[in-house]
N, C-alpha and C. Protein backbone atom coordinates (compact mmCIF):
# COMPACT_ATOMS: atom_id res chain seq x y z
N UNK A 1 -17.10 -11.60 20.20
CA UNK A 1 -18.23 -10.98 19.99
C UNK A 1 -17.91 -10.28 18.44
N UNK A 2 -18.83 -9.74 17.53
CA UNK A 2 -18.62 -8.92 16.63
C UNK A 2 -19.00 -7.70 16.63
N UNK A 3 -18.19 -6.73 16.57
CA UNK A 3 -18.79 -5.29 16.31
C UNK A 3 -18.53 -4.80 14.75
N UNK A 4 -19.16 -3.64 14.20
CA UNK A 4 -18.84 -3.02 13.09
C UNK A 4 -18.42 -1.72 13.19
N UNK A 5 -17.10 -1.54 12.80
CA UNK A 5 -16.49 -0.08 12.75
C UNK A 5 -16.10 0.28 11.56
N UNK A 6 -16.86 1.49 11.41
CA UNK A 6 -16.43 2.21 9.98
C UNK A 6 -16.57 1.16 8.67
N UNK A 7 -17.55 0.24 9.17
CA UNK A 7 -18.24 -0.61 8.02
C UNK A 7 -17.47 -1.92 7.97
N UNK A 8 -16.54 -1.93 8.67
CA UNK A 8 -15.92 -3.42 8.67
C UNK A 8 -16.34 -4.03 10.05
N UNK A 9 -16.43 -5.57 9.88
CA UNK A 9 -16.57 -6.43 11.20
C UNK A 9 -15.49 -6.63 12.01
N UNK A 10 -15.58 -6.42 13.08
CA UNK A 10 -14.20 -6.63 13.78
C UNK A 10 -14.54 -7.59 15.08
N UNK A 11 -13.76 -8.41 15.34
CA UNK A 11 -13.77 -9.46 16.48
C UNK A 11 -13.46 -8.73 17.92
N UNK A 12 -14.19 -8.68 18.70
CA UNK A 12 -13.68 -8.09 20.16
C UNK A 12 -14.12 -9.23 21.21
N UNK A 13 -13.39 -9.23 22.42
CA UNK A 13 -13.71 -9.82 23.67
C UNK A 13 -14.90 -9.17 24.06
N UNK A 14 -15.82 -10.07 24.79
CA UNK A 14 -16.84 -9.64 25.35
C UNK A 14 -16.50 -8.62 26.54
N UNK A 15 -17.20 -7.72 26.65
CA UNK A 15 -17.04 -6.61 27.89
C UNK A 15 -15.90 -5.69 27.52
N UNK A 16 -15.49 -5.54 26.30
CA UNK A 16 -14.66 -4.57 25.71
C UNK A 16 -15.16 -3.26 25.81
N UNK A 17 -14.66 -2.24 26.76
CA UNK A 17 -14.96 -0.83 26.55
C UNK A 17 -14.67 -0.29 25.37
N UNK A 18 -15.37 0.97 24.95
CA UNK A 18 -14.95 1.66 24.07
C UNK A 18 -13.79 2.33 23.95
N UNK A 19 -13.30 2.64 25.14
CA UNK A 19 -12.03 3.30 25.43
C UNK A 19 -10.91 2.23 25.16
N UNK A 20 -11.14 0.84 25.38
CA UNK A 20 -10.05 -0.15 25.37
C UNK A 20 -9.93 -0.13 23.84
N UNK A 21 -11.02 -0.54 23.15
CA UNK A 21 -11.06 -0.85 21.75
C UNK A 21 -10.32 0.27 20.78
N UNK A 22 -10.54 1.61 21.31
CA UNK A 22 -9.68 2.93 20.69
C UNK A 22 -8.48 2.63 21.00
N UNK A 23 -7.91 2.23 22.16
CA UNK A 23 -6.48 2.27 22.49
C UNK A 23 -5.93 1.26 21.73
N UNK A 24 -6.43 0.04 21.81
CA UNK A 24 -6.12 -1.09 20.97
C UNK A 24 -5.92 -0.77 19.34
N UNK A 25 -6.66 0.24 18.97
CA UNK A 25 -6.44 0.42 17.45
C UNK A 25 -5.52 1.43 17.37
N UNK A 26 -4.92 1.91 18.46
CA UNK A 26 -3.61 2.94 18.44
C UNK A 26 -4.36 4.23 17.92
N UNK A 27 -5.52 4.55 18.48
CA UNK A 27 -6.28 5.88 17.98
C UNK A 27 -5.90 6.84 19.26
N UNK A 28 -5.66 8.10 19.19
CA UNK A 28 -5.84 8.88 19.96
C UNK A 28 -7.40 9.61 20.38
N UNK A 29 -7.89 9.02 21.58
CA UNK A 29 -9.27 9.55 21.75
C UNK A 29 -9.44 11.29 21.64
N UNK A 30 -8.55 11.66 22.09
CA UNK A 30 -8.61 13.23 22.28
C UNK A 30 -8.85 13.82 20.78
N UNK A 31 -8.87 12.87 19.76
CA UNK A 31 -9.00 13.48 18.30
C UNK A 31 -10.01 12.59 17.55
N UNK A 32 -11.10 12.14 18.31
CA UNK A 32 -11.75 11.36 17.64
C UNK A 32 -13.22 11.71 17.92
N UNK A 33 -14.34 11.67 16.83
CA UNK A 33 -15.52 11.58 16.95
C UNK A 33 -16.11 10.41 16.91
N UNK A 34 -17.04 9.75 17.86
CA UNK A 34 -17.53 8.55 17.82
C UNK A 34 -19.04 8.74 17.54
N UNK A 35 -19.56 7.88 16.56
CA UNK A 35 -21.06 7.57 16.67
C UNK A 35 -21.24 6.24 16.93
N UNK A 36 -22.05 5.94 18.01
CA UNK A 36 -22.24 4.80 18.48
C UNK A 36 -23.65 4.33 18.36
N UNK A 37 -23.94 3.30 17.69
CA UNK A 37 -25.25 2.79 17.22
C UNK A 37 -26.09 4.10 16.80
N UNK A 38 -25.65 4.91 15.80
CA UNK A 38 -26.31 6.06 15.39
C UNK A 38 -26.49 7.35 16.27
N UNK A 39 -25.64 7.29 17.51
CA UNK A 39 -25.74 8.49 18.38
C UNK A 39 -24.45 8.97 18.65
N UNK A 40 -24.32 10.24 18.36
CA UNK A 40 -22.80 10.87 18.74
C UNK A 40 -22.48 10.49 20.20
N UNK A 41 -21.40 10.55 20.73
CA UNK A 41 -20.88 10.34 22.14
C UNK A 41 -19.98 11.29 22.48
N UNK A 42 -19.99 11.84 23.53
CA UNK A 42 -19.01 12.85 24.00
C UNK A 42 -17.72 11.96 24.70
N UNK A 43 -16.58 12.56 24.44
CA UNK A 43 -15.39 11.79 24.86
C UNK A 43 -15.26 11.31 26.04
N UNK A 44 -15.98 12.18 27.15
CA UNK A 44 -16.09 11.75 28.76
C UNK A 44 -16.89 10.41 28.89
N UNK A 45 -17.65 10.13 27.97
CA UNK A 45 -18.21 8.81 28.20
C UNK A 45 -17.69 7.42 27.61
N UNK A 46 -16.59 7.58 27.08
CA UNK A 46 -15.76 6.41 26.17
C UNK A 46 -15.28 5.40 27.08
N UNK A 47 -15.19 5.54 28.47
CA UNK A 47 -14.95 4.61 29.63
C UNK A 47 -15.86 3.97 30.05
N UNK A 48 -17.26 4.91 29.75
CA UNK A 48 -18.24 4.16 30.41
C UNK A 48 -19.25 3.21 29.41
N UNK A 49 -18.65 3.05 28.21
CA UNK A 49 -19.45 2.39 26.97
C UNK A 49 -19.09 0.88 27.00
N UNK A 50 -19.72 -0.10 27.34
CA UNK A 50 -19.24 -1.57 26.82
C UNK A 50 -19.79 -1.95 25.82
N UNK A 51 -18.93 -2.40 24.84
CA UNK A 51 -19.63 -2.78 23.52
C UNK A 51 -20.18 -4.32 23.67
N UNK A 52 -21.20 -4.34 22.93
CA UNK A 52 -21.95 -5.63 22.68
C UNK A 52 -22.13 -6.24 21.31
N UNK A 53 -22.50 -7.34 21.32
CA UNK A 53 -22.65 -7.93 19.82
C UNK A 53 -23.44 -7.07 19.12
N UNK A 54 -22.84 -6.91 17.98
CA UNK A 54 -23.62 -6.26 16.71
C UNK A 54 -23.56 -4.61 16.77
N UNK A 55 -22.86 -4.29 17.93
CA UNK A 55 -22.67 -2.61 18.09
C UNK A 55 -22.21 -1.95 16.71
N UNK A 56 -22.64 -0.97 16.33
CA UNK A 56 -22.06 -0.17 14.99
C UNK A 56 -21.51 1.09 15.37
N UNK A 57 -20.16 1.15 14.97
CA UNK A 57 -19.64 2.60 15.41
C UNK A 57 -18.86 3.06 14.10
N UNK A 58 -18.85 4.38 14.32
CA UNK A 58 -18.42 5.17 13.12
C UNK A 58 -17.28 6.14 13.87
N UNK A 59 -15.83 5.90 13.67
CA UNK A 59 -14.90 6.56 13.87
C UNK A 59 -14.64 7.74 13.12
N UNK A 60 -14.17 8.94 13.49
CA UNK A 60 -13.77 10.13 12.63
C UNK A 60 -12.90 11.01 13.30
N UNK A 61 -11.54 11.23 12.58
CA UNK A 61 -10.79 12.15 13.12
C UNK A 61 -11.18 13.86 12.34
N UNK A 62 -11.47 14.45 12.82
CA UNK A 62 -11.81 15.95 12.30
C UNK A 62 -10.46 16.40 11.65
N UNK A 63 -10.57 17.01 10.53
CA UNK A 63 -9.57 17.54 9.83
C UNK A 63 -9.75 19.06 9.62
N UNK A 64 -8.91 19.90 10.06
CA UNK A 64 -8.91 21.30 9.84
C UNK A 64 -8.30 21.60 8.40
N UNK A 65 -8.99 22.57 7.80
CA UNK A 65 -8.52 22.96 6.53
C UNK A 65 -8.86 24.30 5.85
N UNK A 66 -8.37 24.72 4.92
CA UNK A 66 -8.83 25.78 4.31
C UNK A 66 -8.83 25.96 2.89
């Protein structure tokens, strides 16, 4: 199936969880903000979200600065 991550189309296996996708991308979920189909998600729901064909995700790592 295809999902869009940060504007790029990615191929995923059907039934892939958001948590598994994040891990497969080598990202640390503790430092991510995720928007899923236009809605922000809390980190404690990443394991509960199963991706579906056409889902749109924005993954952002907040950066502190001054």
